[in-house]
Amino acid sequence: MEPKPMKILIIEDDMDDCNAFKNCAKDRNDIEIVAITDSDMEGLKYVKSKQPEGIVLDLELNNSFSGSADSLEFLSNLKKLNLNYEPIVIVTTHVNSKRTYDLLHRNGADLILYKDHPKYSSEHVLNNFINLRKINTNQRTATIEEVIESKDEKISDLINHELDLIGVTTKLKGRDYVHDAILYLILNDKKNTNVIQQLTKKYKKSGTTITNGIQNAIIHAWRVTPIEDLEVYYTARINYETEIPTPMEFIYYYVNKIKKMV
């Protein structure tokens, strides 16, 4: 089975370079460019929404949020997103400095390509993504158990992605409760299921502790996440008096949303 095209995000402010990447990708079936931007902050939003497997990062971004001539800050901000996967980052630059390259690698760059090198091209950059891509070459027929496990992992990944989008971070204990509640209700599609009771058995905590943990995670998300992001990623109607969903409203919204994705 052929692997799916590798999703690539381009963060680059040179229009000629951007067009070169687009034209190169048109002739390939192993690469899909999901977005192009000249802003590091816009790039972070695309990482959250598009989940690219690879990122082209121009080091000298004129539109960087920090206002400086480089985009080193993007790498540190990328770590703060607490993604459930690690995108491959290839930095492209006109700078030829070992000290700078060492700093980039320490901050998470997988590869640095010098733009003024004779071999540099958009195709060369994309080829390096494919070379770095981790492909399981020992593919084999999945057993029934593996298929079930794979489905569970897919659902779990979708839940984690949705929670990341609205700022329910992995640092919050309530995040685990929310994740497990949604997963349990999707996998055990039964009416009148007391999911809080299931969580109390798993975590050896009282129902009040579980419910409060979920509520605190929701409050945190509504406090720190920009309202425009919440309006995009959480579309359920909310009680105008409380201005936040209840734990069960929140959980069942994602149960129904993710069921439509799988």
C-alpha atoms as a PDB file:
ATOM      1  CA  MET A   1       0.000   0.000   0.000  1.00  0.00           C
ATOM      2  CA  GLU A   2       1.362   3.396  -0.990  1.00  0.00           C
ATOM      3  CA  PRO A   3       1.797   5.829   1.930  1.00  0.00           C
ATOM      4  CA  LYS A   4      -0.427   8.878   1.988  1.00  0.00           C
ATOM      5  CA  PRO A   5       1.052  12.123   0.617  1.00  0.00           C
ATOM      6  CA  MET A   6       3.181  13.878   3.207  1.00  0.00           C
ATOM      7  CA  LYS A   7       1.449  17.050   4.417  1.00  0.00           C
ATOM      8  CA  ILE A   8       3.816  20.013   4.313  1.00  0.00           C
ATOM      9  CA  LEU A   9       3.425  23.537   5.725  1.00  0.00           C
ATOM     10  CA  ILE A  10       5.533  26.267   4.095  1.00  0.00           C
ATOM     11  CA  ILE A  11       6.556  29.263   6.259  1.00  0.00           C
ATOM     12  CA  GLU A  12       8.371  31.495   3.787  1.00  0.00           C
ATOM     13  CA  ASP A  13       8.173  35.177   2.808  1.00  0.00           C
ATOM     14  CA  ASP A  14       9.916  34.967  -0.581  1.00  0.00           C
ATOM     15  CA  MET A  15       7.175  34.677  -3.206  1.00  0.00           C
ATOM     16  CA  ASP A  16       9.504  33.094  -5.761  1.00  0.00           C
ATOM     17  CA  ASP A  17      10.385  30.360  -3.268  1.00  0.00           C
ATOM     18  CA  CYS A  18       6.710  29.848  -2.397  1.00  0.00           C
ATOM     19  CA  ASN A  19       5.755  29.504  -6.063  1.00  0.00           C
ATOM     20  CA  ALA A  20       8.650  27.102  -6.613  1.00  0.00           C
ATOM     21  CA  PHE A  21       7.366  24.839  -3.820  1.00  0.00           C
ATOM     22  CA  LYS A  22       3.808  24.945  -5.222  1.00  0.00           C
ATOM     23  CA  ASN A  23       4.942  24.145  -8.762  1.00  0.00           C
ATOM     24  CA  CYS A  24       7.191  21.337  -7.578  1.00  0.00           C
ATOM     25  CA  ALA A  25       4.433  19.760  -5.459  1.00  0.00           C
ATOM     26  CA  LYS A  26       2.029  19.768  -8.421  1.00  0.00           C
ATOM     27  CA  ASP A  27       4.179  17.200 -10.175  1.00  0.00           C
ATOM     28  CA  ARG A  28       4.454  14.862  -7.180  1.00  0.00           C
ATOM     29  CA  ASN A  29       2.034  12.422  -5.579  1.00  0.00           C
ATOM     30  CA  ASP A  30       4.044  12.005  -2.361  1.00  0.00           C
ATOM     31  CA  ILE A  31       3.763  15.632  -1.187  1.00  0.00           C
ATOM     32  CA  GLU A  32       0.735  17.771  -0.325  1.00  0.00           C
ATOM     33  CA  ILE A  33       1.261  21.426   0.611  1.00  0.00           C
ATOM     34  CA  VAL A  34      -1.508  22.185   3.105  1.00  0.00           C
ATOM     35  CA  ALA A  35      -0.750  25.877   3.645  1.00  0.00           C
ATOM     36  CA  ILE A  36       1.735  28.656   2.855  1.00  0.00           C
ATOM     37  CA  THR A  37       2.293  31.704   5.058  1.00  0.00           C
ATOM     38  CA  ASP A  38       4.904  34.402   5.597  1.00  0.00           C
ATOM     39  CA  SER A  39       4.133  34.730   9.321  1.00  0.00           C
ATOM     40  CA  ASP A  40       5.481  32.606  12.171  1.00  0.00           C
ATOM     41  CA  MET A  41       2.343  33.172  14.277  1.00  0.00           C
ATOM     42  CA  GLU A  42       0.085  32.279  11.372  1.00  0.00           C
ATOM     43  CA  GLY A  43       2.275  29.222  10.915  1.00  0.00           C
ATOM     44  CA  LEU A  44       1.568  28.097  14.486  1.00  0.00           C
ATOM     45  CA  LYS A  45      -2.176  28.339  13.830  1.00  0.00           C
ATOM     46  CA  TYR A  46      -1.775  26.207  10.708  1.00  0.00           C
ATOM     47  CA  VAL A  47       0.177  23.623  12.704  1.00  0.00           C
ATOM     48  CA  LYS A  48      -2.764  23.322  15.098  1.00  0.00           C
ATOM     49  CA  SER A  49      -5.456  23.152  12.423  1.00  0.00           C
ATOM     50  CA  LYS A  50      -3.709  21.296   9.571  1.00  0.00           C
ATOM     51  CA  GLN A  51      -1.357  19.016  11.540  1.00  0.00           C
ATOM     52  CA  PRO A  52       1.396  18.987   8.896  1.00  0.00           C
ATOM     53  CA  GLU A  53       3.875  16.135   8.985  1.00  0.00           C
ATOM     54  CA  GLY A  54       6.634  18.467   7.780  1.00  0.00           C
ATOM     55  CA  ILE A  55       7.370  22.200   8.096  1.00  0.00           C
ATOM     56  CA  VAL A  56       9.591  24.328   5.865  1.00  0.00           C
ATOM     57  CA  LEU A  57      10.783  27.222   8.041  1.00  0.00           C
ATOM     58  CA  ASP A  58      12.552  30.200   6.488  1.00  0.00           C
ATOM     59  CA  LEU A  59      14.980  31.497   9.102  1.00  0.00           C
ATOM     60  CA  GLU A  60      14.870  35.129   7.974  1.00  0.00           C
ATOM     61  CA  LEU A  61      11.183  35.993   8.199  1.00  0.00           C
ATOM     62  CA  ASN A  62      10.417  39.673   7.736  1.00  0.00           C
ATOM     63  CA  ASN A  63       6.932  39.139   9.137  1.00  0.00           C
ATOM     64  CA  SER A  64       8.016  37.275  12.263  1.00  0.00           C
ATOM     65  CA  PHE A  65       5.981  38.082  15.368  1.00  0.00           C
ATOM     66  CA  SER A  66       9.058  39.160  17.301  1.00  0.00           C
ATOM     67  CA  GLY A  67       9.874  41.773  14.665  1.00  0.00           C
ATOM     68  CA  SER A  68      13.427  40.471  14.388  1.00  0.00           C
ATOM     69  CA  ALA A  69      15.136  39.180  11.257  1.00  0.00           C
ATOM     70  CA  ASP A  70      14.867  35.535  12.248  1.00  0.00           C
ATOM     71  CA  SER A  71      12.190  33.027  13.281  1.00  0.00           C
ATOM     72  CA  LEU A  72      14.008  31.102  16.006  1.00  0.00           C
ATOM     73  CA  GLU A  73      11.118  31.867  18.319  1.00  0.00           C
ATOM     74  CA  PHE A  74       8.845  29.714  16.160  1.00  0.00           C
ATOM     75  CA  LEU A  75      10.673  26.560  17.245  1.00  0.00           C
ATOM     76  CA  SER A  76      10.233  27.275  20.942  1.00  0.00           C
ATOM     77  CA  ASN A  77       6.580  28.218  20.420  1.00  0.00           C
ATOM     78  CA  LEU A  78       6.083  25.003  18.451  1.00  0.00           C
ATOM     79  CA  LYS A  79       7.100  23.003  21.536  1.00  0.00           C
ATOM     80  CA  LYS A  80       4.610  24.953  23.651  1.00  0.00           C
ATOM     81  CA  LEU A  81       1.736  23.662  21.510  1.00  0.00           C
ATOM     82  CA  ASN A  82       2.169  20.268  23.228  1.00  0.00           C
ATOM     83  CA  LEU A  83       1.303  18.375  20.046  1.00  0.00           C
ATOM     84  CA  ASN A  84       0.755  14.636  20.237  1.00  0.00           C
ATOM     85  CA  TYR A  85       3.268  14.167  17.411  1.00  0.00           C
ATOM     86  CA  GLU A  86       6.537  15.776  16.255  1.00  0.00           C
ATOM     87  CA  PRO A  87       6.501  17.372  12.810  1.00  0.00           C
ATOM     88  CA  ILE A  88       9.740  17.258  10.815  1.00  0.00           C
ATOM     89  CA  VAL A  89      11.186  20.767  10.589  1.00  0.00           C
ATOM     90  CA  ILE A  90      13.561  21.762   7.797  1.00  0.00           C
ATOM     91  CA  VAL A  91      15.014  25.255   8.156  1.00  0.00           C
ATOM     92  CA  THR A  92      16.055  27.105   5.015  1.00  0.00           C
ATOM     93  CA  THR A  93      18.424  30.066   5.304  1.00  0.00           C
ATOM     94  CA  HIS A  94      20.998  32.324   3.669  1.00  0.00           C
ATOM     95  CA  VAL A  95      22.959  32.233   6.933  1.00  0.00           C
ATOM     96  CA  ASN A  96      26.039  30.009   6.969  1.00  0.00           C
ATOM     97  CA  SER A  97      27.041  29.841  10.626  1.00  0.00           C
ATOM     98  CA  LYS A  98      27.882  26.755  12.679  1.00  0.00           C
ATOM     99  CA  ARG A  99      26.849  28.536  15.872  1.00  0.00           C
ATOM    100  CA  THR A 100      23.444  29.378  14.405  1.00  0.00           C
ATOM    101  CA  TYR A 101      23.014  25.845  13.085  1.00  0.00           C
ATOM    102  CA  ASP A 102      23.861  24.353  16.483  1.00  0.00           C
ATOM    103  CA  LEU A 103      21.285  26.627  18.099  1.00  0.00           C
ATOM    104  CA  LEU A 104      18.641  25.625  15.564  1.00  0.00           C
ATOM    105  CA  HIS A 105      19.276  21.918  16.124  1.00  0.00           C
ATOM    106  CA  ARG A 106      19.075  22.359  19.905  1.00  0.00           C
ATOM    107  CA  ASN A 107      15.699  24.056  19.455  1.00  0.00           C
ATOM    108  CA  GLY A 108      14.258  21.248  17.363  1.00  0.00           C
ATOM    109  CA  ALA A 109      15.266  21.743  13.725  1.00  0.00           C
ATOM    110  CA  ASP A 110      15.755  18.364  12.033  1.00  0.00           C
ATOM    111  CA  LEU A 111      17.686  19.673   9.043  1.00  0.00           C
ATOM    112  CA  ILE A 112      19.139  23.008   7.890  1.00  0.00           C
ATOM    113  CA  LEU A 113      19.520  23.716   4.187  1.00  0.00           C
ATOM    114  CA  TYR A 114      21.717  26.577   2.955  1.00  0.00           C
ATOM    115  CA  LYS A 115      19.848  28.489   0.250  1.00  0.00           C
ATOM    116  CA  ASP A 116      23.001  29.649  -1.507  1.00  0.00           C
ATOM    117  CA  HIS A 117      24.316  26.114  -1.978  1.00  0.00           C
ATOM    118  CA  PRO A 118      24.509  25.123  -5.673  1.00  0.00           C
ATOM    119  CA  LYS A 119      22.302  22.065  -5.068  1.00  0.00           C
ATOM    120  CA  TYR A 120      19.559  23.969  -3.236  1.00  0.00           C
ATOM    121  CA  SER A 121      16.096  23.851  -4.806  1.00  0.00           C
ATOM    122  CA  SER A 122      12.503  23.358  -3.745  1.00  0.00           C
ATOM    123  CA  GLU A 123      12.675  19.802  -5.058  1.00  0.00           C
ATOM    124  CA  HIS A 124      15.798  19.179  -2.962  1.00  0.00           C
ATOM    125  CA  VAL A 125      13.938  20.386   0.144  1.00  0.00           C
ATOM    126  CA  LEU A 126      10.895  18.183  -0.526  1.00  0.00           C
ATOM    127  CA  ASN A 127      13.084  15.171  -1.286  1.00  0.00           C
ATOM    128  CA  ASN A 128      14.698  15.569   2.126  1.00  0.00           C
ATOM    129  CA  PHE A 129      11.281  15.456   3.779  1.00  0.00           C
ATOM    130  CA  ILE A 130      10.550  12.150   2.122  1.00  0.00           C
ATOM    131  CA  ASN A 131      13.956  10.820   3.172  1.00  0.00           C
ATOM    132  CA  LEU A 132      13.336  11.848   6.775  1.00  0.00           C
ATOM    133  CA  ARG A 133       9.834  10.462   6.889  1.00  0.00           C
ATOM    134  CA  LYS A 134       9.507   7.477   9.141  1.00  0.00           C
ATOM    135  CA  ILE A 135       7.879   4.686   7.194  1.00  0.00           C
ATOM    136  CA  ASN A 136       7.307   1.265   8.635  1.00  0.00           C
ATOM    137  CA  THR A 137       8.784  -0.964   5.939  1.00  0.00           C
ATOM    138  CA  ASN A 138       7.744  -4.123   7.762  1.00  0.00           C
ATOM    139  CA  GLN A 139       4.093  -3.784   6.876  1.00  0.00           C
ATOM    140  CA  ARG A 140       2.062  -6.906   7.446  1.00  0.00           C
ATOM    141  CA  THR A 141      -1.539  -7.986   7.531  1.00  0.00           C
ATOM    142  CA  ALA A 142      -3.190  -6.702  10.665  1.00  0.00           C
ATOM    143  CA  THR A 143      -4.914  -9.064  13.052  1.00  0.00           C
ATOM    144  CA  ILE A 144      -8.406  -8.298  14.317  1.00  0.00           C
ATOM    145  CA  GLU A 145      -6.890  -7.178  17.619  1.00  0.00           C
ATOM    146  CA  GLU A 146      -4.522  -4.811  15.799  1.00  0.00           C
ATOM    147  CA  VAL A 147      -7.370  -3.335  13.758  1.00  0.00           C
ATOM    148  CA  ILE A 148      -9.316  -2.629  16.953  1.00  0.00           C
ATOM    149  CA  GLU A 149      -6.237  -1.140  18.597  1.00  0.00           C
ATOM    150  CA  SER A 150      -5.560   0.980  15.520  1.00  0.00           C
ATOM    151  CA  LYS A 151      -9.133   2.316  15.572  1.00  0.00           C
ATOM    152  CA  ASP A 152      -8.866   3.132  19.281  1.00  0.00           C
ATOM    153  CA  GLU A 153      -5.597   4.972  18.665  1.00  0.00           C
ATOM    154  CA  LYS A 154      -7.150   6.944  15.811  1.00  0.00           C
ATOM    155  CA  ILE A 155     -10.061   8.025  17.986  1.00  0.00           C
ATOM    156  CA  SER A 156      -7.680   8.902  20.808  1.00  0.00           C
ATOM    157  CA  ASP A 157      -5.578  11.018  18.440  1.00  0.00           C
ATOM    158  CA  LEU A 158      -8.677  12.839  17.203  1.00  0.00           C
ATOM    159  CA  ILE A 159      -9.757  13.581  20.779  1.00  0.00           C
ATOM    160  CA  ASN A 160      -6.312  14.888  21.686  1.00  0.00           C
ATOM    161  CA  HIS A 161      -6.207  17.063  18.576  1.00  0.00           C
ATOM    162  CA  GLU A 162      -9.616  18.602  19.306  1.00  0.00           C
ATOM    163  CA  LEU A 163      -8.662  19.319  22.928  1.00  0.00           C
ATOM    164  CA  ASP A 164      -5.367  20.886  21.802  1.00  0.00           C
ATOM    165  CA  LEU A 165      -7.260  23.222  19.464  1.00  0.00           C
ATOM    166  CA  ILE A 166      -9.215  24.824  22.301  1.00  0.00           C
ATOM    167  CA  GLY A 167      -6.453  24.938  24.910  1.00  0.00           C
ATOM    168  CA  VAL A 168      -7.283  21.977  27.166  1.00  0.00           C
ATOM    169  CA  THR A 169      -3.601  21.247  27.701  1.00  0.00           C
ATOM    170  CA  THR A 170      -1.959  18.026  28.814  1.00  0.00           C
ATOM    171  CA  LYS A 171      -0.855  19.774  32.021  1.00  0.00           C
ATOM    172  CA  LEU A 172      -4.439  19.760  33.282  1.00  0.00           C
ATOM    173  CA  LYS A 173      -5.552  16.666  35.186  1.00  0.00           C
ATOM    174  CA  GLY A 174      -9.055  17.204  33.872  1.00  0.00           C
ATOM    175  CA  ARG A 175      -7.669  16.642  30.368  1.00  0.00           C
ATOM    176  CA  ASP A 176      -7.224  12.925  31.140  1.00  0.00           C
ATOM    177  CA  TYR A 177     -10.765  12.686  32.504  1.00  0.00           C
ATOM    178  CA  VAL A 178     -12.238  14.418  29.451  1.00  0.00           C
ATOM    179  CA  HIS A 179     -10.226  12.310  27.010  1.00  0.00           C
ATOM    180  CA  ASP A 180     -11.145   9.016  28.673  1.00  0.00           C
ATOM    181  CA  ALA A 181     -14.820   9.977  29.023  1.00  0.00           C
ATOM    182  CA  ILE A 182     -15.129  10.797  25.319  1.00  0.00           C
ATOM    183  CA  LEU A 183     -13.226   7.672  24.296  1.00  0.00           C
ATOM    184  CA  TYR A 184     -15.310   5.428  26.550  1.00  0.00           C
ATOM    185  CA  LEU A 185     -18.631   6.793  25.271  1.00  0.00           C
ATOM    186  CA  ILE A 186     -17.578   6.380  21.641  1.00  0.00           C
ATOM    187  CA  LEU A 187     -16.335   2.822  22.131  1.00  0.00           C
ATOM    188  CA  ASN A 188     -19.288   1.861  24.328  1.00  0.00           C
ATOM    189  CA  ASP A 189     -22.135   3.345  22.353  1.00  0.00           C
ATOM    190  CA  LYS A 190     -24.878   2.658  24.851  1.00  0.00           C
ATOM    191  CA  LYS A 191     -27.616   4.875  26.183  1.00  0.00           C
ATOM    192  CA  ASN A 192     -27.743   5.893  29.833  1.00  0.00           C
ATOM    193  CA  THR A 193     -24.061   5.104  30.359  1.00  0.00           C
ATOM    194  CA  ASN A 194     -22.754   6.582  33.609  1.00  0.00           C
ATOM    195  CA  VAL A 195     -19.346   7.661  32.349  1.00  0.00           C
ATOM    196  CA  ILE A 196     -18.435   9.461  35.583  1.00  0.00           C
ATOM    197  CA  GLN A 197     -18.897   6.193  37.430  1.00  0.00           C
ATOM    198  CA  GLN A 198     -16.536   4.503  34.973  1.00  0.00           C
ATOM    199  CA  LEU A 199     -13.920   7.207  35.580  1.00  0.00           C
ATOM    200  CA  THR A 200     -14.204   6.859  39.364  1.00  0.00           C
ATOM    201  CA  LYS A 201     -13.376   3.157  39.035  1.00  0.00           C
ATOM    202  CA  LYS A 202     -10.397   3.817  36.786  1.00  0.00           C
ATOM    203  CA  TYR A 203      -8.844   6.722  38.712  1.00  0.00           C
ATOM    204  CA  LYS A 204      -9.973   5.744  42.233  1.00  0.00           C
ATOM    205  CA  LYS A 205     -11.353   9.247  42.727  1.00  0.00           C
ATOM    206  CA  SER A 206     -14.767  10.455  43.831  1.00  0.00           C
ATOM    207  CA  GLY A 207     -17.343  11.534  41.267  1.00  0.00           C
ATOM    208  CA  THR A 208     -17.099  15.076  42.626  1.00  0.00           C
ATOM    209  CA  THR A 209     -13.331  15.134  42.106  1.00  0.00           C
ATOM    210  CA  ILE A 210     -13.712  13.848  38.544  1.00  0.00           C
ATOM    211  CA  THR A 211     -16.471  16.329  37.687  1.00  0.00           C
ATOM    212  CA  ASN A 212     -14.576  19.256  39.220  1.00  0.00           C
ATOM    213  CA  GLY A 213     -11.455  18.293  37.283  1.00  0.00           C
ATOM    214  CA  ILE A 214     -13.389  18.318  34.012  1.00  0.00           C
ATOM    215  CA  GLN A 215     -15.065  21.618  34.885  1.00  0.00           C
ATOM    216  CA  ASN A 216     -11.720  23.221  35.757  1.00  0.00           C
ATOM    217  CA  ALA A 217     -10.275  22.105  32.408  1.00  0.00           C
ATOM    218  CA  ILE A 218     -13.220  23.726  30.611  1.00  0.00           C
ATOM    219  CA  ILE A 219     -12.860  26.943  32.636  1.00  0.00           C
ATOM    220  CA  HIS A 220      -9.142  27.040  31.818  1.00  0.00           C
ATOM    221  CA  ALA A 221      -9.824  26.645  28.082  1.00  0.00           C
ATOM    222  CA  TRP A 222     -12.439  29.410  28.038  1.00  0.00           C
ATOM    223  CA  ARG A 223     -10.097  31.686  30.009  1.00  0.00           C
ATOM    224  CA  VAL A 224      -6.939  31.319  27.893  1.00  0.00           C
ATOM    225  CA  THR A 225      -8.149  30.452  24.374  1.00  0.00           C
ATOM    226  CA  PRO A 226      -9.008  33.340  21.999  1.00  0.00           C
ATOM    227  CA  ILE A 227     -12.748  33.645  21.506  1.00  0.00           C
ATOM    228  CA  GLU A 228     -12.343  33.426  17.722  1.00  0.00           C
ATOM    229  CA  ASP A 229     -10.719  29.987  18.116  1.00  0.00           C
ATOM    230  CA  LEU A 230     -13.502  28.775  20.416  1.00  0.00           C
ATOM    231  CA  GLU A 231     -16.146  29.942  17.939  1.00  0.00           C
ATOM    232  CA  VAL A 232     -14.448  27.919  15.205  1.00  0.00           C
ATOM    233  CA  TYR A 233     -13.662  24.718  17.103  1.00  0.00           C
ATOM    234  CA  TYR A 234     -16.542  24.536  19.617  1.00  0.00           C
ATOM    235  CA  THR A 235     -19.792  25.297  17.839  1.00  0.00           C
ATOM    236  CA  ALA A 236     -22.365  24.040  20.342  1.00  0.00           C
ATOM    237  CA  ARG A 237     -24.774  26.511  21.878  1.00  0.00           C
ATOM    238  CA  ILE A 238     -23.724  27.636  25.373  1.00  0.00           C
ATOM    239  CA  ASN A 239     -25.935  28.859  28.236  1.00  0.00           C
ATOM    240  CA  TYR A 240     -25.683  32.656  28.101  1.00  0.00           C
ATOM    241  CA  GLU A 241     -25.726  32.871  31.916  1.00  0.00           C
ATOM    242  CA  THR A 242     -22.775  30.568  32.593  1.00  0.00           C
ATOM    243  CA  GLU A 243     -20.976  31.322  29.279  1.00  0.00           C
ATOM    244  CA  ILE A 244     -19.252  27.918  29.438  1.00  0.00           C
ATOM    245  CA  PRO A 245     -20.530  24.383  28.793  1.00  0.00           C
ATOM    246  CA  THR A 246     -21.221  21.941  31.609  1.00  0.00           C
ATOM    247  CA  PRO A 247     -18.952  18.878  31.821  1.00  0.00           C
ATOM    248  CA  MET A 248     -21.509  16.571  30.197  1.00  0.00           C
ATOM    249  CA  GLU A 249     -22.443  19.103  27.507  1.00  0.00           C
ATOM    250  CA  PHE A 250     -18.752  19.443  26.697  1.00  0.00           C
ATOM    251  CA  ILE A 251     -18.113  15.677  26.640  1.00  0.00           C
ATOM    252  CA  TYR A 252     -21.137  14.786  24.506  1.00  0.00           C
ATOM    253  CA  TYR A 253     -20.377  17.583  22.038  1.00  0.00           C
ATOM    254  CA  TYR A 254     -17.035  15.910  21.284  1.00  0.00           C
ATOM    255  CA  VAL A 255     -18.517  12.412  21.343  1.00  0.00           C
ATOM    256  CA  ASN A 256     -20.897  13.415  18.545  1.00  0.00           C
ATOM    257  CA  LYS A 257     -18.292  15.461  16.676  1.00  0.00           C
ATOM    258  CA  ILE A 258     -15.666  12.730  16.628  1.00  0.00           C
ATOM    259  CA  LYS A 259     -18.159   9.998  15.731  1.00  0.00           C
ATOM    260  CA  LYS A 260     -18.700  11.872  12.470  1.00  0.00           C
ATOM    261  CA  MET A 261     -14.952  11.830  11.797  1.00  0.00           C
ATOM    262  CA  VAL A 262     -14.369   8.094  12.158  1.00  0.00           C
END
